[in-house]
Amino acid sequence: MPPDIGYRSRAWWFNAAAGSGLWYYDYFISQTWPYFYGGITPDWCGEEINCDHGESAIFKQSTLFYNTNWATCWANAYNNYDAAEWIPGTYHKKNFLASSAGLLADTRYYAVIYTSRNVFVFKPSDYLTQEKWDNATTVNFRWNPTPYYGYSTEGGEYTLLETGEKKEQVFDWISFNVPKSLGSYDDFRVTLEGNARDIDDLKPAQPILNNPTSVGSYTWITDARLCVA
């Protein structure tokens, strides 16, 4: 499937051409020419705007729970997380969707879950002319949840609070189409919230003595963009 808008790799075009029965060049031209002939910029040629900065981080976290029974330990951690309030904190790109557990030498398990809600700030005026911004009809917010030091990106979901749209966490670009009216040429902001959906969503594998630390998910922000067409 193509991305909603924005960059399409050469490999994507080759694969699409193979499925169409046309040569790669012929397929690309057949898809592209009608747009340019009509004076329209195709979605895959949209302008990309890098995130200027992040701010207003809010966190939701469970207490660190200990128990000699793994199922009880994790249930306590999740129930505490589920009932926890969102609290203000300092913006940090790590720990967007995270959970971890361990097994101590005295055979006690421990577990914790923590997620965050962050505001991403973009400055279209640093990348586009006023005319290009005024003529844009589609704005797409996308970001890449990268595993922190090789940990998992499985489980959890993201909600774009301005629209209520939800997307499952995947190890790839995640995108949301957003109304242009959300922001302006000089300041465009979107708020992304990470959540565990149920008790098994971010659950790590049961820790064992020779592998005492287990991680269910540990992602951070490496790249966030607006794509405008």
Protein backbone atom coordinates (compact mmCIF):
# COMPACT_ATOMS: atom_id res chain seq x y z
CA MET A 1 0.00 0.00 0.00
CA PRO A 2 1.31 3.51 -0.75
CA PRO A 3 1.77 6.01 2.06
CA ASP A 4 -1.06 8.49 2.47
CA ILE A 5 1.09 11.24 1.05
CA GLY A 6 4.80 11.84 0.70
CA TYR A 7 7.88 9.97 -0.38
CA ARG A 8 7.56 6.69 -2.28
CA SER A 9 10.79 4.78 -2.67
CA ARG A 10 12.16 3.49 -5.98
CA ALA A 11 11.50 -0.05 -4.72
CA TRP A 12 7.84 0.88 -4.13
CA TRP A 13 7.51 2.08 -7.73
CA PHE A 14 9.17 -1.08 -9.07
CA ASN A 15 6.78 -3.30 -7.09
CA ALA A 16 3.75 -1.29 -8.19
CA ALA A 17 4.88 -1.46 -11.82
CA ALA A 18 5.33 -5.25 -11.60
CA GLY A 19 1.74 -5.62 -10.46
CA SER A 20 0.42 -3.37 -13.24
CA GLY A 21 1.99 -5.17 -16.21
CA LEU A 22 3.83 -2.00 -17.31
CA TRP A 23 7.55 -1.31 -17.42
CA TYR A 24 8.80 0.68 -14.44
CA TYR A 25 9.29 3.94 -16.42
CA ASP A 26 5.97 3.58 -18.24
CA TYR A 27 4.11 3.01 -14.98
CA PHE A 28 5.76 5.98 -13.26
CA ILE A 29 4.94 8.29 -16.18
CA SER A 30 1.36 7.00 -16.42
CA GLN A 31 0.81 7.82 -12.75
CA THR A 32 2.68 11.14 -12.71
CA TRP A 33 1.91 12.89 -15.99
CA PRO A 34 -1.82 13.53 -15.40
CA TYR A 35 -1.01 15.48 -12.23
CA PHE A 36 1.66 17.71 -13.75
CA TYR A 37 -0.35 18.18 -16.96
CA GLY A 38 -3.20 19.45 -14.80
CA GLY A 39 -0.89 21.73 -12.83
CA ILE A 40 -1.31 19.67 -9.64
CA THR A 41 1.47 18.44 -7.36
CA PRO A 42 1.02 14.67 -6.80
CA ASP A 43 0.84 13.42 -3.23
CA TRP A 44 4.22 11.69 -3.43
CA CYS A 45 5.90 15.01 -4.26
CA GLY A 46 4.63 16.76 -1.16
CA GLU A 47 6.86 19.06 0.84
CA GLU A 48 8.32 17.61 4.06
CA ILE A 49 8.62 19.70 7.20
CA ASN A 50 10.81 18.39 10.01
CA CYS A 51 9.70 18.73 13.61
CA ASP A 52 11.06 21.93 15.14
CA HIS A 53 10.83 20.71 18.74
CA GLY A 54 8.70 18.78 21.20
CA GLU A 55 7.17 20.11 24.39
CA SER A 56 4.47 19.75 27.05
CA ALA A 57 5.22 16.12 27.88
CA ILE A 58 2.74 14.39 30.16
CA PHE A 59 3.38 10.94 31.60
CA LYS A 60 1.37 8.01 32.86
CA GLN A 61 3.24 5.41 34.87
CA SER A 62 2.64 2.51 37.20
CA THR A 63 4.32 2.07 40.53
CA LEU A 64 7.16 -0.46 40.47
CA PHE A 65 5.51 -3.63 41.78
CA TYR A 66 7.15 -6.68 43.35
CA ASN A 67 5.69 -10.14 43.86
CA THR A 68 6.91 -13.74 43.94
CA ASN A 69 4.15 -14.67 41.46
CA TRP A 70 4.69 -13.38 37.89
CA ALA A 71 1.00 -13.16 36.92
CA THR A 72 0.14 -11.27 40.11
CA CYS A 73 3.10 -8.94 39.70
CA TRP A 74 2.15 -7.97 36.15
CA ALA A 75 -1.57 -7.65 36.96
CA ASN A 76 -0.76 -5.29 39.82
CA ALA A 77 1.45 -3.17 37.56
CA TYR A 78 -1.15 -2.96 34.78
CA ASN A 79 -4.09 -2.20 37.08
CA ASN A 80 -2.07 0.53 38.75
CA TYR A 81 -1.11 1.97 35.34
CA ASP A 82 -4.70 1.80 34.10
CA ALA A 83 -5.93 3.81 37.10
CA ALA A 84 -3.04 6.29 37.09
CA GLU A 85 -3.47 9.98 36.24
CA TRP A 86 -1.51 11.79 33.55
CA ILE A 87 1.06 14.06 35.20
CA PRO A 88 3.24 16.86 33.72
CA GLY A 89 6.90 16.18 33.10
CA THR A 90 9.87 17.32 31.07
CA TYR A 91 9.81 16.60 27.34
CA HIS A 92 12.06 13.70 26.43
CA LYS A 93 12.13 11.65 23.28
CA LYS A 94 12.55 8.30 25.08
CA ASN A 95 9.94 6.08 26.75
CA PHE A 96 6.95 6.84 24.55
CA LEU A 97 5.54 3.31 24.98
CA ALA A 98 7.53 1.30 27.47
CA SER A 99 7.26 -1.62 29.85
CA SER A 100 9.80 -3.75 31.61
CA ALA A 101 10.07 -6.51 34.17
CA GLY A 102 12.73 -8.41 36.00
CA LEU A 103 13.52 -11.24 38.37
CA LEU A 104 15.62 -10.59 41.44
CA ALA A 105 17.98 -13.06 43.06
CA ASP A 106 15.48 -13.57 45.90
CA THR A 107 12.94 -14.81 43.26
CA ARG A 108 10.78 -11.69 43.42
CA TYR A 109 9.48 -10.37 40.09
CA TYR A 110 9.09 -6.67 39.43
CA ALA A 111 7.22 -4.83 36.64
CA VAL A 112 6.47 -1.30 35.48
CA ILE A 113 4.60 0.38 32.58
CA TYR A 114 5.04 3.97 31.42
CA THR A 115 3.70 5.93 28.45
CA SER A 116 3.74 9.57 27.44
CA ARG A 117 1.79 12.30 25.65
CA ASN A 118 3.84 14.82 23.70
CA VAL A 119 3.21 17.93 21.65
CA PHE A 120 5.13 18.15 18.36
CA VAL A 121 5.74 21.66 17.04
CA PHE A 122 6.35 22.40 13.34
CA LYS A 123 7.30 25.64 11.60
CA PRO A 124 6.04 25.43 8.00
CA SER A 125 7.37 28.93 7.36
CA ASP A 126 10.93 27.56 7.65
CA TYR A 127 10.33 25.20 4.72
CA LEU A 128 7.59 26.60 2.48
CA THR A 129 6.60 29.87 0.89
CA GLN A 130 3.36 31.39 2.06
CA GLU A 131 1.87 30.63 -1.36
CA LYS A 132 2.71 26.92 -1.15
CA TRP A 133 1.20 26.71 2.32
CA ASP A 134 -1.94 28.57 1.23
CA ASN A 135 -2.39 26.23 -1.75
CA ALA A 136 -1.83 23.02 0.21
CA THR A 137 -4.92 20.86 0.64
CA THR A 138 -3.51 17.85 2.52
CA VAL A 139 -1.42 17.72 5.71
CA ASN A 140 -0.06 14.42 6.98
CA PHE A 141 1.70 13.94 10.32
CA ARG A 142 4.04 10.97 10.48
CA TRP A 143 6.61 9.64 12.86
CA ASN A 144 8.83 6.63 13.29
CA PRO A 145 8.78 4.70 16.61
CA THR A 146 12.32 3.40 16.87
CA PRO A 147 13.26 0.67 19.36
CA TYR A 148 15.47 2.10 22.07
CA TYR A 149 18.80 0.22 21.88
CA GLY A 150 17.23 -2.71 20.02
CA TYR A 151 14.25 -3.27 22.32
CA SER A 152 10.77 -4.19 21.07
CA THR A 153 8.32 -1.96 19.20
CA GLU A 154 5.43 -4.37 19.64
CA GLY A 155 2.17 -3.59 21.40
CA GLY A 156 0.47 -0.38 22.36
CA GLU A 157 -1.26 2.23 20.28
CA TYR A 158 -0.97 5.91 19.49
CA THR A 159 -3.81 8.43 19.53
CA LEU A 160 -3.69 11.78 17.76
CA LEU A 161 -5.62 13.78 20.34
CA GLU A 162 -6.70 16.56 17.98
CA THR A 163 -8.70 14.12 15.83
CA GLY A 164 -9.12 11.07 18.08
CA GLU A 165 -7.66 8.78 15.41
CA LYS A 166 -5.79 5.72 16.71
CA LYS A 167 -3.01 3.64 15.17
CA GLU A 168 -1.40 0.43 16.38
CA GLN A 169 2.32 0.60 17.07
CA VAL A 170 4.37 -0.90 14.23
CA PHE A 171 8.07 -0.86 13.38
CA ASP A 172 7.60 1.56 10.48
CA TRP A 173 6.34 5.05 9.73
CA ILE A 174 2.96 5.71 11.32
CA SER A 175 0.90 8.49 9.78
CA PHE A 176 -2.24 10.52 10.43
CA ASN A 177 -3.97 12.91 8.06
CA VAL A 178 -4.70 16.09 10.01
CA PRO A 179 -6.89 19.11 9.24
CA LYS A 180 -4.88 22.06 7.99
CA SER A 181 -7.01 24.25 10.26
CA LEU A 182 -5.22 22.78 13.30
CA GLY A 183 -2.32 25.13 12.82
CA SER A 184 -0.89 28.05 10.90
CA TYR A 185 1.95 28.87 8.53
CA ASP A 186 4.15 29.87 11.47
CA ASP A 187 3.11 27.32 14.08
CA PHE A 188 1.55 23.89 13.62
CA ARG A 189 1.12 21.57 16.62
CA VAL A 190 -0.12 18.01 17.04
CA THR A 191 -0.42 15.96 20.22
CA LEU A 192 0.43 12.27 20.24
CA GLU A 193 -0.47 9.97 23.13
CA GLY A 194 0.79 6.44 23.75
CA ASN A 195 -1.36 3.89 25.58
CA ALA A 196 -1.45 0.26 26.63
CA ARG A 197 -4.83 -1.03 25.40
CA ASP A 198 -5.30 -3.98 27.77
CA ILE A 199 -3.46 -6.10 30.31
CA ASP A 200 -1.61 -8.16 27.69
CA ASP A 201 -0.78 -5.32 25.30
CA LEU A 202 2.71 -4.38 26.53
CA LYS A 203 3.33 -7.47 28.63
CA PRO A 204 6.95 -8.62 28.59
CA ALA A 205 7.95 -12.26 28.48
CA GLN A 206 8.24 -13.78 31.96
CA PRO A 207 11.75 -13.05 33.25
CA ILE A 208 13.97 -16.01 34.17
CA LEU A 209 17.02 -16.17 36.38
CA ASN A 210 19.56 -16.43 33.55
CA ASN A 211 17.78 -13.62 31.68
CA PRO A 212 16.67 -11.42 34.54
CA THR A 213 15.38 -8.39 32.58
CA SER A 214 12.50 -8.56 30.11
CA VAL A 215 11.16 -5.69 28.00
CA GLY A 216 7.67 -5.59 26.49
CA SER A 217 8.20 -2.37 24.53
CA TYR A 218 10.69 0.48 24.62
CA THR A 219 10.36 3.05 21.87
CA TRP A 220 11.54 6.60 21.37
CA ILE A 221 11.10 9.38 18.86
CA THR A 222 13.76 9.62 16.17
CA ASP A 223 11.94 11.40 13.36
CA ALA A 224 8.64 13.29 13.11
CA ARG A 225 7.46 15.19 10.03
CA LEU A 226 4.60 16.98 8.38
CA CYS A 227 4.08 16.20 4.72
CA VAL A 228 2.15 18.87 2.85
CA ALA A 229 0.65 18.59 -0.64
